Amino acid sequence: MRKGELSGLTGVRFYAALFVYWYHVILIIPGMYALAGRSLFLDAAEGGVSFFFVLSGFILTYNYADVFRDGISAASYKRFIWDRLTKIYPVHFLALLLVLPIATLSPQLRLDWRAVPLHLLLLQCFWPSSTPAFSSYLNVPSWSISCEWFFYLLGPVVMFLASGNRRRWVLVAVVMAYACGLGLFLWHGQSDEARFYFVSRFAPSRFVEFLLGVFLARVFLTSSGQKLAGVSGLAQATGIGLLIAGAMSRPYVPWPLWGGLLYVPGSILLVLGLAHDRGFFVAHLSRPWLNLLGRATFSLYLIHTPLLRAVRGLCLYLGWEVRSWPVFGAVVIAMFMVVQTAALLVYSGYEIPLQQRLRSWLVQPRGVGRGARQLDDRAA
């Protein structure tokens, strides 16, 4: 199977995270939402998260399909889980430490201390109820990392089942049964708040996006590649167009589409198009500086909200808010420079060194190649 570096899928992570940053800077800094109101960029942030979920399933299958194709050993499962935990937990823990005093002192959202152990264990989106809203406390973007942790725990089993023509129908049946059960549960007598949580934040409900990424990687790895590669540019353009269309239509869609399903077609086409490493967009995404920003995206994603909330607290203390468009633009750019610089420092000085140290604690089992893990560090 092909194991080259998918540089286009590393660089595009930066742009996906950029929409998430835009969403939070407008909501958090005083006066910005009152000035800008609801915009396309706010709804595009949910598309960025959905894209990350599809990309996660694709990249992990691309790297580990051979490991779990014929079965799951205790050693390979432990190595996989440890690699994933050491990827996500150090920065998550750092961001949690940063945001905890801010959340404790917040005058607008009193901290429910029951949320702390759930966030610490990345279980806030495992909670089978919309109340209390544990995912809305502390470092709010970590709700998606909680979903990713759910995906990782099931990942080896999913990759094993997806590798067999008969076995993969087990996955389809389970997803369909879950969707029917959830639909019946939410259809009658549930509030919009409950529907939003179970469709958009509850980890099992977002699993379908990860699963589609797994199936997409199987198609990519087992196809000849020539026919698909010939239309990779069209797939990229169509995927971006569908993501934009999803963001534009999100305020008007029914509740079953409040999660990531609205963005799945565009995410699939964009990931598949970029994976073939062709076209001017891939050439742009493969530039070294953009690849570096893409690799630092995880740090950016997790630390930008604590930094924005710290600035918000200072603004509220000083009684200052954004009241004009020139100031709006200056704040967006200035805060981005702050959070991006901090993300690069965290990535190079904390995330990668600690990740490497922690991974060295486990002896590499046979069948988990070092090259696959290095690629996983760069692109997953």
Protein backbone atom coordinates (compact mmCIF):
# COMPACT_ATOMS: atom_id res chain seq x y z
CA MET A 1 0.00 0.00 0.00
CA ARG A 2 1.07 3.56 -0.68
CA LYS A 3 2.66 5.32 2.27
CA GLY A 4 3.96 8.58 0.86
CA GLU A 5 3.48 11.79 2.80
CA LEU A 6 0.18 13.49 2.00
CA SER A 7 1.45 17.04 2.29
CA GLY A 8 -1.72 18.60 0.92
CA LEU A 9 -3.72 17.10 3.77
CA THR A 10 -1.28 18.53 6.28
CA GLY A 11 -1.39 22.08 4.92
CA VAL A 12 -5.17 22.21 4.57
CA ARG A 13 -5.57 21.69 8.32
CA PHE A 14 -4.40 25.27 8.82
CA TYR A 15 -7.28 26.69 6.80
CA ALA A 16 -9.82 24.43 8.52
CA ALA A 17 -8.58 25.63 11.92
CA LEU A 18 -8.66 29.24 10.72
CA PHE A 19 -12.45 29.14 10.50
CA VAL A 20 -12.65 27.83 14.06
CA TYR A 21 -10.42 30.68 15.24
CA TRP A 22 -12.58 33.22 13.38
CA TYR A 23 -15.70 31.80 15.03
CA HIS A 24 -14.30 32.12 18.55
CA VAL A 25 -12.62 35.51 18.18
CA ILE A 26 -15.94 37.02 17.08
CA LEU A 27 -17.90 35.38 19.90
CA ILE A 28 -15.40 36.01 22.69
CA ILE A 29 -13.93 39.49 22.23
CA PRO A 30 -16.48 42.07 23.49
CA GLY A 31 -18.39 43.98 20.83
CA MET A 32 -17.33 41.89 17.83
CA TYR A 33 -20.45 39.76 17.49
CA ALA A 34 -22.70 42.79 17.98
CA LEU A 35 -20.86 44.45 15.10
CA ALA A 36 -20.54 41.51 12.72
CA GLY A 37 -23.60 39.43 13.60
CA ARG A 38 -24.02 35.92 12.22
CA SER A 39 -21.85 35.34 9.18
CA LEU A 40 -20.81 32.64 6.75
CA PHE A 41 -17.55 32.21 8.65
CA LEU A 42 -19.38 31.31 11.85
CA ASP A 43 -21.24 28.46 10.19
CA ALA A 44 -18.08 27.40 8.35
CA ALA A 45 -16.42 26.62 11.70
CA GLU A 46 -18.67 23.57 12.14
CA GLY A 47 -17.62 22.51 8.64
CA GLY A 48 -13.99 22.74 9.69
CA VAL A 49 -14.61 20.36 12.60
CA SER A 50 -16.51 17.92 10.37
CA PHE A 51 -13.63 18.02 7.90
CA PHE A 52 -11.20 17.17 10.71
CA PHE A 53 -13.31 14.15 11.71
CA VAL A 54 -13.36 12.77 8.15
CA LEU A 55 -9.65 13.52 7.76
CA SER A 56 -8.89 11.72 11.03
CA GLY A 57 -10.53 8.50 9.87
CA PHE A 58 -8.79 8.76 6.50
CA ILE A 59 -5.28 9.40 7.84
CA LEU A 60 -5.40 6.78 10.58
CA THR A 61 -6.60 4.14 8.12
CA TYR A 62 -3.98 5.24 5.60
CA ASN A 63 -1.29 4.71 8.24
CA TYR A 64 -2.59 1.70 10.18
CA ALA A 65 -4.68 -0.33 7.71
CA ASP A 66 -1.93 -2.95 7.36
CA VAL A 67 -1.55 -3.27 11.14
CA PHE A 68 -5.20 -4.12 11.80
CA ARG A 69 -6.16 -5.76 8.50
CA ASP A 70 -5.96 -9.35 9.77
CA GLY A 71 -6.75 -8.86 13.44
CA ILE A 72 -6.09 -6.89 16.60
CA SER A 73 -3.46 -8.00 19.08
CA ALA A 74 -3.17 -6.62 22.59
CA ALA A 75 0.26 -5.18 21.75
CA SER A 76 -0.84 -3.41 18.56
CA TYR A 77 -3.96 -2.01 20.23
CA LYS A 78 -1.97 -0.73 23.20
CA ARG A 79 0.60 0.89 20.91
CA PHE A 80 -2.10 2.53 18.83
CA ILE A 81 -3.97 3.91 21.85
CA TRP A 82 -0.75 5.13 23.46
CA ASP A 83 0.33 6.86 20.25
CA ARG A 84 -3.05 8.59 19.96
CA LEU A 85 -3.16 9.54 23.65
CA THR A 86 0.33 11.03 23.53
CA LYS A 87 -0.71 12.97 20.44
CA ILE A 88 -3.73 14.68 21.95
CA TYR A 89 -3.39 14.69 25.73
CA PRO A 90 -0.30 16.83 26.50
CA VAL A 91 -1.69 19.93 24.74
CA HIS A 92 -5.18 19.24 26.04
CA PHE A 93 -3.84 19.11 29.60
CA LEU A 94 -1.86 22.33 29.10
CA ALA A 95 -4.91 24.14 27.72
CA LEU A 96 -7.01 22.86 30.61
CA LEU A 97 -4.50 24.27 33.10
CA LEU A 98 -4.57 27.62 31.28
CA VAL A 99 -8.34 27.91 31.16
CA LEU A 100 -9.17 26.61 34.66
CA PRO A 101 -8.38 29.86 36.55
CA ILE A 102 -10.08 31.89 33.82
CA ALA A 103 -13.22 29.76 34.06
CA THR A 104 -13.15 29.91 37.85
CA LEU A 105 -13.12 33.72 37.81
CA SER A 106 -15.59 34.11 34.92
CA PRO A 107 -18.55 36.28 36.02
CA GLN A 108 -20.79 35.17 33.13
CA LEU A 109 -20.54 31.37 33.24
CA ARG A 110 -20.15 29.94 36.72
CA LEU A 111 -18.01 26.81 36.54
CA ASP A 112 -19.74 23.53 37.30
CA TRP A 113 -16.90 21.67 39.03
CA ARG A 114 -18.38 18.33 38.03
CA ALA A 115 -17.15 19.15 34.52
CA VAL A 116 -13.49 19.19 35.57
CA PRO A 117 -12.92 15.40 35.93
CA LEU A 118 -14.85 14.76 32.72
CA HIS A 119 -12.67 17.24 30.81
CA LEU A 120 -9.57 15.86 32.48
CA LEU A 121 -10.43 12.38 31.20
CA LEU A 122 -11.77 13.64 27.85
CA LEU A 123 -15.20 12.21 28.61
CA GLN A 124 -17.31 15.38 28.35
CA CYS A 125 -18.91 14.24 25.06
CA PHE A 126 -19.49 10.69 26.33
CA TRP A 127 -22.12 12.08 28.73
CA PRO A 128 -25.54 10.74 27.58
CA SER A 129 -27.51 13.86 28.48
CA SER A 130 -27.64 17.48 27.35
CA THR A 131 -27.89 18.60 30.98
CA PRO A 132 -25.61 19.50 32.56
CA ALA A 133 -23.89 20.86 29.45
CA PHE A 134 -20.43 19.66 30.45
CA SER A 135 -19.02 20.22 26.96
CA SER A 136 -19.76 23.96 27.25
CA TYR A 137 -17.42 24.52 30.20
CA LEU A 138 -13.66 25.12 30.41
CA ASN A 139 -11.87 24.81 27.06
CA VAL A 140 -14.93 24.46 24.85
CA PRO A 141 -13.12 23.36 21.62
CA SER A 142 -11.93 20.26 23.46
CA TRP A 143 -15.41 18.78 22.89
CA SER A 144 -14.15 17.65 19.47
CA ILE A 145 -11.05 16.10 21.06
CA SER A 146 -13.36 14.15 23.35
CA CYS A 147 -15.12 12.87 20.22
CA GLU A 148 -11.74 11.99 18.69
CA TRP A 149 -10.85 10.02 21.81
CA PHE A 150 -14.05 8.02 21.33
CA PHE A 151 -13.04 7.38 17.70
CA TYR A 152 -9.56 6.25 18.71
CA LEU A 153 -10.85 3.74 21.25
CA LEU A 154 -12.89 2.07 18.48
CA GLY A 155 -10.46 2.78 15.64
CA PRO A 156 -8.61 -0.57 15.48
CA VAL A 157 -11.89 -2.51 15.51
CA VAL A 158 -13.32 -0.27 12.80
CA MET A 159 -10.25 -0.62 10.59
CA PHE A 160 -10.35 -4.41 11.00
CA LEU A 161 -14.04 -4.63 10.10
CA ALA A 162 -13.67 -2.19 7.21
CA SER A 163 -10.92 -4.29 5.62
CA GLY A 164 -13.25 -7.23 4.82
CA ASN A 165 -16.07 -7.19 2.27
CA ARG A 166 -18.42 -9.05 4.60
CA ARG A 167 -17.18 -7.56 7.85
CA ARG A 168 -17.81 -3.98 6.78
CA TRP A 169 -21.55 -4.60 6.69
CA VAL A 170 -21.42 -5.01 10.46
CA LEU A 171 -20.34 -1.36 10.69
CA VAL A 172 -23.09 -0.22 8.35
CA ALA A 173 -25.71 -2.13 10.33
CA VAL A 174 -24.53 -0.72 13.66
CA VAL A 175 -24.55 2.87 12.35
CA MET A 176 -28.01 2.47 10.82
CA ALA A 177 -29.40 0.97 14.03
CA TYR A 178 -27.92 3.80 16.08
CA ALA A 179 -29.27 6.46 13.71
CA CYS A 180 -32.77 4.98 13.83
CA GLY A 181 -32.71 4.71 17.61
CA LEU A 182 -31.43 8.26 18.06
CA GLY A 183 -33.98 9.59 15.58
CA LEU A 184 -36.87 7.96 17.46
CA PHE A 185 -35.53 9.26 20.76
CA LEU A 186 -35.18 12.86 19.55
CA TRP A 187 -38.23 13.07 17.31
CA HIS A 188 -40.82 13.55 20.04
CA GLY A 189 -40.68 15.37 23.33
CA GLN A 190 -37.08 16.63 23.14
CA SER A 191 -36.01 20.27 23.25
CA ASP A 192 -33.87 21.91 20.59
CA GLU A 193 -31.08 22.04 23.16
CA ALA A 194 -31.20 18.24 23.56
CA ARG A 195 -31.38 17.73 19.81
CA PHE A 196 -28.38 19.98 19.25
CA TYR A 197 -26.31 18.15 21.86
CA PHE A 198 -27.11 14.63 20.68
CA VAL A 199 -26.69 15.48 16.99
CA SER A 200 -23.71 17.81 17.19
CA ARG A 201 -21.76 17.14 20.41
CA PHE A 202 -22.47 13.56 21.55
CA ALA A 203 -19.42 11.53 20.51
CA PRO A 204 -21.24 8.44 19.13
CA SER A 205 -23.32 10.69 16.85
CA ARG A 206 -20.20 12.17 15.22
CA PHE A 207 -18.69 8.73 14.71
CA VAL A 208 -20.22 8.45 11.24
CA GLU A 209 -17.86 11.15 9.92
CA PHE A 210 -14.82 9.26 11.20
CA LEU A 211 -16.21 6.02 9.74
CA LEU A 212 -16.70 7.60 6.33
CA GLY A 213 -13.08 8.73 6.46
CA VAL A 214 -12.08 5.11 7.14
CA PHE A 215 -14.07 3.85 4.16
CA LEU A 216 -12.68 6.65 1.99
CA ALA A 217 -9.13 5.59 2.84
CA ARG A 218 -9.98 2.00 1.92
CA VAL A 219 -11.16 3.20 -1.49
CA PHE A 220 -8.02 5.29 -1.92
CA LEU A 221 -5.66 2.47 -0.90
CA THR A 222 -7.27 -0.28 -2.93
CA SER A 223 -7.99 1.63 -6.16
CA SER A 224 -5.58 1.89 -9.06
CA GLY A 225 -5.53 5.62 -8.52
CA GLN A 226 -5.29 6.70 -12.13
CA LYS A 227 -8.96 7.44 -12.78
CA LEU A 228 -9.45 9.16 -9.44
CA ALA A 229 -6.22 11.11 -9.79
CA GLY A 230 -7.39 12.46 -13.13
CA VAL A 231 -10.33 14.20 -11.51
CA SER A 232 -8.59 15.25 -8.29
CA GLY A 233 -8.71 18.94 -9.21
CA LEU A 234 -12.44 18.73 -9.90
CA ALA A 235 -12.95 16.86 -6.61
CA GLN A 236 -11.09 19.59 -4.71
CA ALA A 237 -13.08 22.41 -6.29
CA THR A 238 -16.41 20.60 -5.85
CA GLY A 239 -15.56 19.73 -2.26
CA ILE A 240 -14.79 23.35 -1.38
CA GLY A 241 -17.98 24.45 -3.12
CA LEU A 242 -20.08 21.96 -1.17
CA LEU A 243 -18.49 23.03 2.11
CA ILE A 244 -19.34 26.66 1.35
CA ALA A 245 -22.88 25.67 0.35
CA GLY A 246 -23.23 23.75 3.61
CA ALA A 247 -22.14 26.77 5.64
CA MET A 248 -24.58 29.02 3.76
CA SER A 249 -27.52 26.67 4.28
CA ARG A 250 -26.83 25.65 7.89
CA PRO A 251 -29.15 28.28 9.50
CA TYR A 252 -32.08 26.86 7.51
CA VAL A 253 -31.65 23.08 7.72
CA PRO A 254 -33.69 20.75 9.98
CA TRP A 255 -32.22 19.52 13.26
CA PRO A 256 -30.85 16.15 11.99
CA LEU A 257 -28.32 18.20 9.98
CA TRP A 258 -27.20 20.45 12.84
CA GLY A 259 -24.10 18.31 13.30
CA GLY A 260 -21.59 17.45 10.61
CA LEU A 261 -23.68 15.53 8.07
CA LEU A 262 -24.26 18.73 6.09
CA TYR A 263 -20.52 18.98 5.43
CA VAL A 264 -19.73 15.32 4.80
CA PRO A 265 -20.04 15.33 0.95
CA GLY A 266 -17.71 18.32 0.64
CA SER A 267 -15.24 16.92 3.17
CA ILE A 268 -15.08 13.56 1.40
CA LEU A 269 -14.43 15.10 -2.02
CA LEU A 270 -11.86 17.55 -0.67
CA VAL A 271 -9.92 14.88 1.25
CA LEU A 272 -9.97 12.48 -1.71
CA GLY A 273 -8.92 15.21 -4.13
CA LEU A 274 -6.03 16.42 -1.98
CA ALA A 275 -4.86 12.87 -1.23
CA HIS A 276 -3.84 12.40 -4.87
CA ASP A 277 -1.30 15.20 -4.48
CA ARG A 278 -2.08 16.98 -7.74
CA GLY A 279 -3.07 20.49 -8.74
CA PHE A 280 -2.10 24.05 -7.90
CA PHE A 281 -3.98 23.97 -4.60
CA VAL A 282 -1.93 20.99 -3.43
CA ALA A 283 1.23 22.79 -4.56
CA HIS A 284 0.22 25.73 -2.40
CA LEU A 285 -0.62 23.54 0.59
CA SER A 286 2.69 21.70 0.27
CA ARG A 287 4.82 24.80 0.82
CA PRO A 288 7.11 24.31 3.84
CA TRP A 289 5.77 27.26 5.83
CA LEU A 290 2.16 26.15 5.33
CA ASN A 291 3.05 22.56 6.21
CA LEU A 292 4.58 23.84 9.45
CA LEU A 293 1.41 25.79 10.24
CA GLY A 294 -0.61 22.68 9.45
CA ARG A 295 1.42 20.57 11.85
CA ALA A 296 1.00 23.19 14.57
CA THR A 297 -2.77 23.29 14.04
CA PHE A 298 -3.55 20.99 16.96
CA SER A 299 -1.82 23.36 19.37
CA LEU A 300 -3.55 26.33 17.75
CA TYR A 301 -6.91 24.64 18.01
CA LEU A 302 -6.62 23.93 21.74
CA ILE A 303 -4.89 27.04 23.09
CA HIS A 304 -6.57 29.82 21.13
CA THR A 305 -9.72 29.90 23.26
CA PRO A 306 -7.93 30.19 26.64
CA LEU A 307 -5.88 33.07 25.23
CA LEU A 308 -8.96 34.76 23.80
CA ARG A 309 -10.81 34.36 27.08
CA ALA A 310 -7.88 35.91 28.96
CA VAL A 311 -8.01 38.94 26.64
CA ARG A 312 -11.78 39.10 27.04
CA GLY A 313 -11.39 39.25 30.81
CA LEU A 314 -8.95 42.15 30.44
CA CYS A 315 -11.35 43.96 28.08
CA LEU A 316 -14.25 43.54 30.51
CA TYR A 317 -12.10 44.79 33.38
CA LEU A 318 -11.14 47.89 31.40
CA GLY A 319 -14.67 48.39 30.04
CA TRP A 320 -13.46 48.22 26.45
CA GLU A 321 -15.15 46.70 23.42
CA VAL A 322 -14.90 46.75 19.63
CA ARG A 323 -17.12 49.44 18.10
CA SER A 324 -15.81 49.97 14.55
CA TRP A 325 -14.79 47.89 11.56
CA PRO A 326 -11.16 49.12 11.47
CA VAL A 327 -10.75 48.05 15.10
CA PHE A 328 -12.56 44.79 14.30
CA GLY A 329 -10.02 43.96 11.57
CA ALA A 330 -7.07 45.00 13.72
CA VAL A 331 -8.24 42.77 16.59
CA VAL A 332 -8.74 39.76 14.31
CA ILE A 333 -5.24 40.12 12.86
CA ALA A 334 -3.49 40.98 16.12
CA MET A 335 -5.09 38.16 18.09
CA PHE A 336 -4.33 35.71 15.31
CA MET A 337 -0.66 36.67 15.39
CA VAL A 338 -0.66 36.12 19.16
CA VAL A 339 -2.36 32.73 19.11
CA GLN A 340 -0.41 31.50 16.06
CA THR A 341 2.92 32.46 17.62
CA ALA A 342 1.90 30.77 20.85
CA ALA A 343 0.82 27.66 18.92
CA LEU A 344 4.17 27.40 17.13
CA LEU A 345 6.02 27.75 20.42
CA VAL A 346 3.83 25.12 22.10
CA TYR A 347 4.18 22.80 19.12
CA SER A 348 7.96 22.97 18.86
CA GLY A 349 8.84 23.37 22.53
CA TYR A 350 6.22 21.26 24.26
CA GLU A 351 3.93 19.15 22.06
CA ILE A 352 6.50 17.31 19.95
CA PRO A 353 9.28 16.89 22.58
CA LEU A 354 6.84 15.56 25.17
CA GLN A 355 5.11 13.37 22.62
CA GLN A 356 8.41 11.78 21.61
CA ARG A 357 9.45 11.26 25.22
CA LEU A 358 6.15 9.62 26.16
CA ARG A 359 6.13 7.37 23.09
CA SER A 360 9.60 6.12 23.90
CA TRP A 361 8.18 4.56 27.06
CA LEU A 362 6.57 1.78 25.04
CA VAL A 363 8.60 -0.63 22.99
CA GLN A 364 7.43 -0.62 19.38
CA PRO A 365 5.59 -3.88 18.54
CA ARG A 366 6.24 -5.71 15.34
CA GLY A 367 4.02 -4.48 12.51
CA VAL A 368 3.71 -0.85 13.56
CA GLY A 369 6.21 0.85 11.32
CA ARG A 370 8.19 3.87 12.43
CA GLY A 371 7.58 5.57 9.11
CA ALA A 372 3.82 5.23 9.56
CA ARG A 373 4.00 6.82 13.00
CA GLN A 374 6.12 9.70 11.69
CA LEU A 375 3.59 10.33 8.92
CA ASP A 376 0.80 10.12 11.46
CA ASP A 377 2.51 12.81 13.58
CA ARG A 378 2.69 15.14 10.58
CA ALA A 379 -0.70 14.61 8.96
CA ALA A 380 -3.23 13.12 11.39
